[in-house]
Amino acid sequence: MTKPIERLTKILQLEQEKYQDRAVVGGLARYTDTWLRETQRAFGPEADGWIQKVADQLRAYSSLPAPAARREAMSVLLETLKEAPSQEKSGQAKKRVERPEHAKKPRTQPSPERTGLDSSVVVLRGVGPQRAKRLGKLGVRTIRDMLYLLPRRYDDFSQLKPINRLEYGEEVTIIAKVQKAYVQKTRGGGNIFKAELSDGAGTVEVAWFNQPYLADKIKPGQQIVVSGKVDEYLGQLCFNSPEWERLEKELLHTARIVPVYPLTAGLNARWLRNLMKRTVGYWSKRLPDYLPTPVRQEENLLDLETAIVQAHFPDSQTLLEQARHRLAFDELFVLQIGM
């Protein structure tokens, strides 16, 4: 590994600790020009495409405000660094540069691999050939397709409620402390993981069927967020297999309007929601908006980036409706132009 790549890798690993763009003085965007010069000297012109690709990603990173978007960008950056030309090839490139003009053979410069909205979903972290094939059954083959795979419905878990005010049959979210947690065997040989939760106003039992691995994740003393339908067992209110998250994490599956995506065999709803969050957070900013700002303002339409983000992970019912209105406008507008 060459020194510029080695140095950049260490910087990126340091940046991964907090994602605050402070791993190097002035941020990664400011460091880009220095890294560009050093790497071009180390590799020669044959690696220009790859070097420029890394430089563009470094500059883009500093402009991303959210930690989730920066995590996704960092993952892409580290993968791109692994594509670096070998030292053997770079050495050969230097020899060719030093040869006199009359001794050079005409050669076609390789074009850098394109990573953009029309790239295959396999470039996304966590998507291998098998998952890409399953996503293909949903009509998703590119990153652009991912952005337009809209939820088929939404579960509104945005309303928090104390445990002593829960009512049978309602869909709610609670924040509580885990008092007890244990795995219980059933007569049929299955497992039920149970937790007793308390929020100071009351206690409630939560059960997850055939998920004994939760014993390693949900432990007494933790504060967790639970969202689901209030059920009843032996006269006591309870939750059965609800969504849950630790309180300190960015809430994606609970305490909000949660998107529910179409699925196919082999795809898990929670996995797809996590993948969609990373994809939308990073790639929606790179989606060109064909509507000029004056037209959007006159028609009272959201910009396309905001519409895509709010269509997937709405902050409110009002923004969700506005996002749907913008995307519906796009469909009808394109249809009208085609006719």
Protein backbone atom coordinates (compact mmCIF):
# COMPACT_ATOMS: atom_id res chain seq x y z
CA MET A 1 0.00 0.00 0.00
CA THR A 2 1.43 3.43 -0.95
CA LYS A 3 1.98 6.10 1.69
CA PRO A 4 -0.84 8.45 0.50
CA ILE A 5 -3.38 5.59 0.65
CA GLU A 6 -2.03 4.38 3.99
CA ARG A 7 -2.25 7.89 5.42
CA LEU A 8 -5.78 8.45 4.10
CA THR A 9 -6.96 5.08 5.43
CA LYS A 10 -5.75 6.02 8.94
CA ILE A 11 -7.50 9.39 8.68
CA LEU A 12 -10.77 7.74 7.60
CA GLN A 13 -10.55 5.21 10.44
CA LEU A 14 -10.12 8.10 12.88
CA GLU A 15 -13.07 9.91 11.29
CA GLN A 16 -15.24 6.82 11.78
CA GLU A 17 -15.13 7.34 15.55
CA LYS A 18 -17.42 10.42 15.51
CA TYR A 19 -18.17 11.42 11.88
CA GLN A 20 -17.58 15.12 12.68
CA ASP A 21 -15.14 15.85 9.82
CA ARG A 22 -12.38 16.67 12.31
CA ALA A 23 -9.95 13.80 11.69
CA VAL A 24 -7.70 16.20 9.78
CA VAL A 25 -7.26 19.98 10.16
CA GLY A 26 -9.76 21.82 7.97
CA GLY A 27 -11.77 18.70 7.18
CA LEU A 28 -11.53 16.08 4.43
CA ALA A 29 -12.50 18.53 1.66
CA ARG A 30 -9.53 20.76 2.47
CA TYR A 31 -7.18 17.77 2.69
CA THR A 32 -8.28 16.52 -0.74
CA ASP A 33 -5.92 18.69 -2.82
CA THR A 34 -2.90 17.57 -0.79
CA TRP A 35 -3.86 13.92 -1.12
CA LEU A 36 -4.55 14.39 -4.84
CA ARG A 37 -1.04 15.71 -5.54
CA GLU A 38 0.71 13.02 -3.49
CA THR A 39 -1.27 10.17 -5.02
CA GLN A 40 -0.84 11.39 -8.60
CA ARG A 41 2.95 11.44 -8.05
CA ALA A 42 2.84 7.93 -6.57
CA PHE A 43 0.72 6.30 -9.28
CA GLY A 44 1.09 8.28 -12.49
CA PRO A 45 -1.55 9.23 -15.07
CA GLU A 46 -2.98 5.72 -15.54
CA ALA A 47 -4.69 5.94 -12.15
CA ASP A 48 -6.18 9.41 -12.72
CA GLY A 49 -9.74 8.09 -13.02
CA TRP A 50 -9.60 6.24 -9.71
CA ILE A 51 -7.78 9.12 -7.94
CA GLN A 52 -10.38 11.64 -9.11
CA LYS A 53 -13.17 9.32 -7.97
CA VAL A 54 -11.73 9.23 -4.43
CA ALA A 55 -11.18 13.01 -4.47
CA ASP A 56 -14.82 13.64 -5.45
CA GLN A 57 -16.03 11.41 -2.63
CA LEU A 58 -13.78 13.17 -0.11
CA ARG A 59 -15.12 16.60 -1.12
CA ALA A 60 -18.72 15.36 -1.03
CA TYR A 61 -18.27 13.92 2.48
CA SER A 62 -17.65 17.32 4.08
CA SER A 63 -20.91 18.68 2.68
CA LEU A 64 -23.02 15.94 4.30
CA PRO A 65 -24.65 17.17 7.53
CA ALA A 66 -26.16 14.00 9.02
CA PRO A 67 -24.07 11.26 10.73
CA ALA A 68 -26.12 8.57 8.95
CA ALA A 69 -25.28 10.04 5.53
CA ARG A 70 -21.62 10.34 6.52
CA ARG A 71 -21.51 6.71 7.64
CA GLU A 72 -22.81 5.63 4.24
CA ALA A 73 -20.35 7.94 2.43
CA MET A 74 -17.47 6.62 4.56
CA SER A 75 -18.38 3.04 3.68
CA VAL A 76 -18.31 3.91 -0.04
CA LEU A 77 -14.99 5.73 0.39
CA LEU A 78 -13.28 2.80 2.08
CA GLU A 79 -14.55 0.44 -0.62
CA THR A 80 -13.20 2.77 -3.30
CA LEU A 81 -9.79 2.82 -1.60
CA LYS A 82 -9.67 -0.98 -1.90
CA GLU A 83 -9.91 -0.56 -5.68
CA ALA A 84 -6.52 1.19 -5.78
CA PRO A 85 -4.21 0.11 -8.67
CA SER A 86 -1.49 -2.28 -7.55
CA GLN A 87 2.05 -0.99 -7.01
CA GLU A 88 3.26 -3.29 -9.78
CA LYS A 89 0.94 -1.58 -12.26
CA SER A 90 1.85 1.88 -11.00
CA GLY A 91 5.53 1.08 -11.42
CA GLN A 92 4.91 0.03 -15.01
CA ALA A 93 2.97 3.23 -15.53
CA LYS A 94 5.93 5.30 -14.36
CA LYS A 95 8.27 3.48 -16.75
CA ARG A 96 5.95 4.21 -19.64
CA VAL A 97 5.81 7.87 -18.71
CA GLU A 98 9.62 8.08 -18.70
CA ARG A 99 9.99 6.46 -22.13
CA PRO A 100 10.67 8.80 -25.08
CA GLU A 101 7.72 9.79 -27.23
CA HIS A 102 8.82 7.78 -30.31
CA ALA A 103 9.01 4.56 -28.25
CA LYS A 104 5.48 4.84 -26.84
CA LYS A 105 2.75 2.70 -28.30
CA PRO A 106 -0.67 4.25 -28.78
CA ARG A 107 -2.95 3.18 -25.95
CA THR A 108 -6.54 3.80 -25.01
CA GLN A 109 -6.93 5.33 -21.55
CA PRO A 110 -9.23 3.19 -19.36
CA SER A 111 -12.40 4.92 -18.23
CA PRO A 112 -13.05 4.95 -14.47
CA GLU A 113 -15.80 2.70 -13.16
CA ARG A 114 -19.01 4.69 -12.86
CA THR A 115 -20.68 4.91 -9.51
CA GLY A 116 -23.92 6.85 -9.74
CA LEU A 117 -27.69 6.65 -9.60
CA ASP A 118 -27.77 4.11 -12.42
CA SER A 119 -25.20 1.83 -10.77
CA SER A 120 -26.26 -1.66 -9.72
CA VAL A 121 -27.50 -2.07 -6.15
CA VAL A 122 -24.54 -4.36 -5.46
CA VAL A 123 -22.43 -1.23 -4.87
CA LEU A 124 -24.47 -0.60 -1.71
CA ARG A 125 -23.04 -1.92 1.54
CA GLY A 126 -24.76 -5.13 2.58
CA VAL A 127 -26.10 -5.99 -0.88
CA GLY A 128 -24.43 -9.00 -2.48
CA PRO A 129 -25.45 -10.92 -5.61
CA GLN A 130 -28.14 -12.93 -3.81
CA ARG A 131 -29.84 -9.93 -2.22
CA ALA A 132 -29.52 -8.01 -5.47
CA LYS A 133 -31.38 -10.84 -7.20
CA ARG A 134 -34.14 -10.70 -4.58
CA LEU A 135 -34.41 -6.92 -4.90
CA GLY A 136 -34.70 -7.44 -8.65
CA LYS A 137 -37.97 -9.31 -8.02
CA LEU A 138 -39.30 -6.02 -6.62
CA GLY A 139 -38.17 -4.17 -9.74
CA VAL A 140 -35.10 -2.75 -7.99
CA ARG A 141 -31.87 -3.10 -9.96
CA THR A 142 -30.22 0.30 -9.61
CA ILE A 143 -29.76 2.91 -6.91
CA ARG A 144 -32.34 5.07 -8.69
CA ASP A 145 -34.82 2.19 -8.47
CA MET A 146 -34.17 2.04 -4.71
CA LEU A 147 -35.09 5.71 -4.30
CA TYR A 148 -38.39 5.11 -6.07
CA LEU A 149 -39.32 1.89 -4.24
CA LEU A 150 -41.89 3.70 -2.12
CA PRO A 151 -43.54 2.21 0.99
CA ARG A 152 -46.82 0.36 0.40
CA ARG A 153 -48.14 1.74 3.71
CA TYR A 154 -47.04 3.42 6.94
CA ASP A 155 -47.41 2.54 10.62
CA ASP A 156 -47.80 5.68 12.71
CA PHE A 157 -45.92 5.10 15.96
CA SER A 158 -45.20 8.78 16.48
CA GLN A 159 -47.50 9.19 19.49
CA LEU A 160 -45.79 8.36 22.80
CA LYS A 161 -47.90 7.18 25.71
CA PRO A 162 -47.24 6.30 29.38
CA ILE A 163 -47.81 2.64 30.27
CA ASN A 164 -50.67 3.39 32.71
CA ARG A 165 -52.69 4.95 29.84
CA LEU A 166 -52.39 2.07 27.36
CA GLU A 167 -55.61 0.75 25.86
CA TYR A 168 -56.28 -2.63 24.28
CA GLY A 169 -56.01 -2.71 20.49
CA GLU A 170 -54.28 0.65 19.95
CA GLU A 171 -50.95 1.09 18.11
CA VAL A 172 -48.61 3.10 20.34
CA THR A 173 -45.04 3.76 21.32
CA ILE A 174 -43.65 3.62 24.85
CA ILE A 175 -40.24 4.47 26.29
CA ALA A 176 -39.39 2.35 29.31
CA LYS A 177 -36.64 0.73 31.36
CA VAL A 178 -36.06 -3.02 31.24
CA GLN A 179 -36.69 -4.45 34.74
CA LYS A 180 -36.44 -8.16 33.89
CA ALA A 181 -35.44 -10.11 30.78
CA TYR A 182 -35.37 -13.87 30.31
CA VAL A 183 -35.98 -16.72 27.86
CA GLN A 184 -38.86 -19.10 28.55
CA LYS A 185 -39.29 -22.52 26.98
CA THR A 186 -42.68 -23.52 25.56
CA ARG A 187 -44.27 -26.97 25.74
CA GLY A 188 -43.73 -27.40 22.01
CA GLY A 189 -39.98 -26.88 22.37
CA GLY A 190 -39.97 -23.25 21.20
CA ASN A 191 -38.59 -20.17 22.92
CA ILE A 192 -40.22 -16.98 24.11
CA PHE A 193 -38.05 -14.04 25.12
CA LYS A 194 -39.87 -11.93 27.72
CA ALA A 195 -39.10 -8.54 29.20
CA GLU A 196 -40.83 -6.58 31.93
CA LEU A 197 -40.77 -2.84 31.20
CA SER A 198 -41.46 0.10 33.50
CA ASP A 199 -41.68 3.84 32.86
CA GLY A 200 -42.41 4.95 36.42
CA ALA A 201 -46.13 5.21 35.70
CA GLY A 202 -46.69 1.48 35.23
CA THR A 203 -45.27 -1.83 34.06
CA VAL A 204 -46.03 -4.01 31.04
CA GLU A 205 -44.81 -7.38 29.78
CA VAL A 206 -43.42 -7.74 26.27
CA ALA A 207 -42.89 -11.08 24.51
CA TRP A 208 -40.98 -12.01 21.36
CA PHE A 209 -41.60 -15.51 19.99
CA ASN A 210 -38.72 -17.67 18.71
CA GLN A 211 -36.16 -14.89 19.11
CA PRO A 212 -33.95 -16.12 21.99
CA TYR A 213 -30.99 -14.12 20.60
CA LEU A 214 -32.66 -10.99 22.01
CA ALA A 215 -31.33 -12.04 25.41
CA ASP A 216 -27.93 -10.76 24.22
CA LYS A 217 -29.40 -7.43 23.11
CA ILE A 218 -32.10 -6.49 25.63
CA LYS A 219 -30.79 -6.49 29.20
CA PRO A 220 -32.06 -5.20 32.56
CA GLY A 221 -31.26 -1.54 33.14
CA GLN A 222 -31.51 -0.53 29.48
CA GLN A 223 -33.86 2.18 28.24
CA ILE A 224 -35.66 0.98 25.09
CA VAL A 225 -38.39 2.24 22.78
CA VAL A 226 -41.18 -0.20 21.92
CA SER A 227 -43.80 0.31 19.19
CA GLY A 228 -46.68 -2.01 18.38
CA LYS A 229 -50.24 -3.07 19.03
CA VAL A 230 -51.40 -3.39 22.63
CA ASP A 231 -52.58 -6.96 23.26
CA GLU A 232 -54.07 -8.76 26.26
CA TYR A 233 -53.12 -11.99 28.06
CA LEU A 234 -54.82 -13.36 31.18
CA GLY A 235 -56.47 -10.02 31.78
CA GLN A 236 -53.21 -8.03 31.58
CA LEU A 237 -52.19 -5.68 28.75
CA CYS A 238 -49.01 -6.67 26.92
CA PHE A 239 -47.09 -6.41 23.65
CA ASN A 240 -46.42 -9.40 21.39
CA SER A 241 -43.39 -9.22 19.07
CA PRO A 242 -43.36 -5.41 18.74
CA GLU A 243 -40.67 -3.34 17.05
CA TRP A 244 -38.00 -2.09 19.46
CA GLU A 245 -34.82 -0.01 19.57
CA ARG A 246 -32.37 1.20 22.18
CA LEU A 247 -33.17 4.75 23.23
CA GLU A 248 -29.71 6.14 22.45
CA LYS A 249 -29.89 5.16 18.76
CA GLU A 250 -31.39 7.21 15.94
CA LEU A 251 -34.96 5.97 15.96
CA LEU A 252 -35.82 4.31 12.66
CA HIS A 253 -38.21 1.45 13.46
CA THR A 254 -40.14 3.05 16.37
CA ALA A 255 -41.50 6.37 17.74
CA ARG A 256 -42.14 7.76 14.26
CA ILE A 257 -44.16 7.20 11.10
CA VAL A 258 -42.56 3.90 10.04
CA PRO A 259 -42.47 2.93 6.34
CA VAL A 260 -43.57 -0.59 5.39
CA TYR A 261 -42.02 -1.74 2.11
CA PRO A 262 -43.10 -4.50 -0.26
CA LEU A 263 -41.06 -7.65 0.40
CA THR A 264 -40.18 -10.91 -1.31
CA ALA A 265 -38.80 -14.22 -0.05
CA GLY A 266 -35.39 -13.77 1.58
CA LEU A 267 -35.77 -10.05 2.37
CA ASN A 268 -36.37 -8.91 5.95
CA ALA A 269 -38.44 -5.77 6.63
CA ARG A 270 -36.00 -4.43 9.23
CA TRP A 271 -32.98 -5.04 6.93
CA LEU A 272 -34.67 -3.35 3.97
CA ARG A 273 -35.66 -0.35 6.10
CA ASN A 274 -32.06 0.07 7.30
CA LEU A 275 -30.74 -0.22 3.73
CA MET A 276 -33.31 2.28 2.49
CA LYS A 277 -32.41 4.77 5.23
CA ARG A 278 -28.73 4.73 4.23
CA THR A 279 -29.50 4.84 0.51
CA VAL A 280 -32.03 7.68 0.72
CA GLY A 281 -29.84 9.70 3.11
CA TYR A 282 -26.85 9.62 0.76
CA TRP A 283 -28.24 9.36 -2.78
CA SER A 284 -31.30 11.62 -2.61
CA LYS A 285 -28.87 14.57 -2.54
CA ARG A 286 -27.50 13.43 -5.89
CA LEU A 287 -30.88 13.15 -7.60
CA PRO A 288 -31.25 16.00 -10.13
CA ASP A 289 -34.44 18.05 -9.87
CA TYR A 290 -35.75 18.97 -13.33
CA LEU A 291 -38.22 21.56 -11.99
CA PRO A 292 -36.85 25.13 -11.70
CA THR A 293 -37.26 26.78 -8.30
CA PRO A 294 -39.77 29.45 -9.53
CA VAL A 295 -42.04 26.69 -10.92
CA ARG A 296 -41.88 24.72 -7.67
CA GLN A 297 -42.70 27.82 -5.65
CA GLU A 298 -45.58 28.78 -7.93
CA GLU A 299 -47.08 25.28 -7.70
CA ASN A 300 -46.26 24.98 -3.97
CA LEU A 301 -44.19 21.81 -4.53
CA LEU A 302 -41.37 20.34 -2.44
CA ASP A 303 -37.95 20.03 -4.05
CA LEU A 304 -37.28 16.48 -5.26
CA GLU A 305 -34.70 15.62 -2.58
CA THR A 306 -37.07 16.59 0.24
CA ALA A 307 -39.97 14.79 -1.44
CA ILE A 308 -38.00 11.53 -1.72
CA VAL A 309 -36.77 11.73 1.89
CA GLN A 310 -40.23 12.52 3.29
CA ALA A 311 -41.92 9.86 1.14
CA HIS A 312 -39.68 7.24 2.74
CA PHE A 313 -39.22 8.58 6.29
CA PRO A 314 -41.82 11.31 6.89
CA ASP A 315 -41.41 13.67 9.83
CA SER A 316 -45.16 14.30 9.89
CA GLN A 317 -48.37 13.41 8.11
CA THR A 318 -48.39 16.88 6.50
CA LEU A 319 -44.92 16.42 4.98
CA LEU A 320 -45.88 12.93 3.83
CA GLU A 321 -48.87 14.33 1.94
CA GLN A 322 -46.73 17.07 0.40
CA ALA A 323 -44.15 14.49 -0.70
CA ARG A 324 -46.83 12.32 -2.29
CA HIS A 325 -48.24 15.38 -4.07
CA ARG A 326 -44.83 16.24 -5.56
CA LEU A 327 -44.16 12.68 -6.77
CA ALA A 328 -47.69 12.40 -8.20
CA PHE A 329 -47.14 15.71 -10.01
CA ASP A 330 -43.93 14.30 -11.55
CA GLU A 331 -45.72 11.18 -12.82
CA LEU A 332 -48.58 13.15 -14.41
CA PHE A 333 -46.22 15.77 -15.85
CA VAL A 334 -44.03 13.15 -17.53
CA LEU A 335 -47.15 11.37 -18.83
CA GLN A 336 -48.48 14.64 -20.25
CA ILE A 337 -45.19 15.39 -22.00
CA GLY A 338 -45.15 11.89 -23.47
CA MET A 339 -48.64 12.34 -24.88
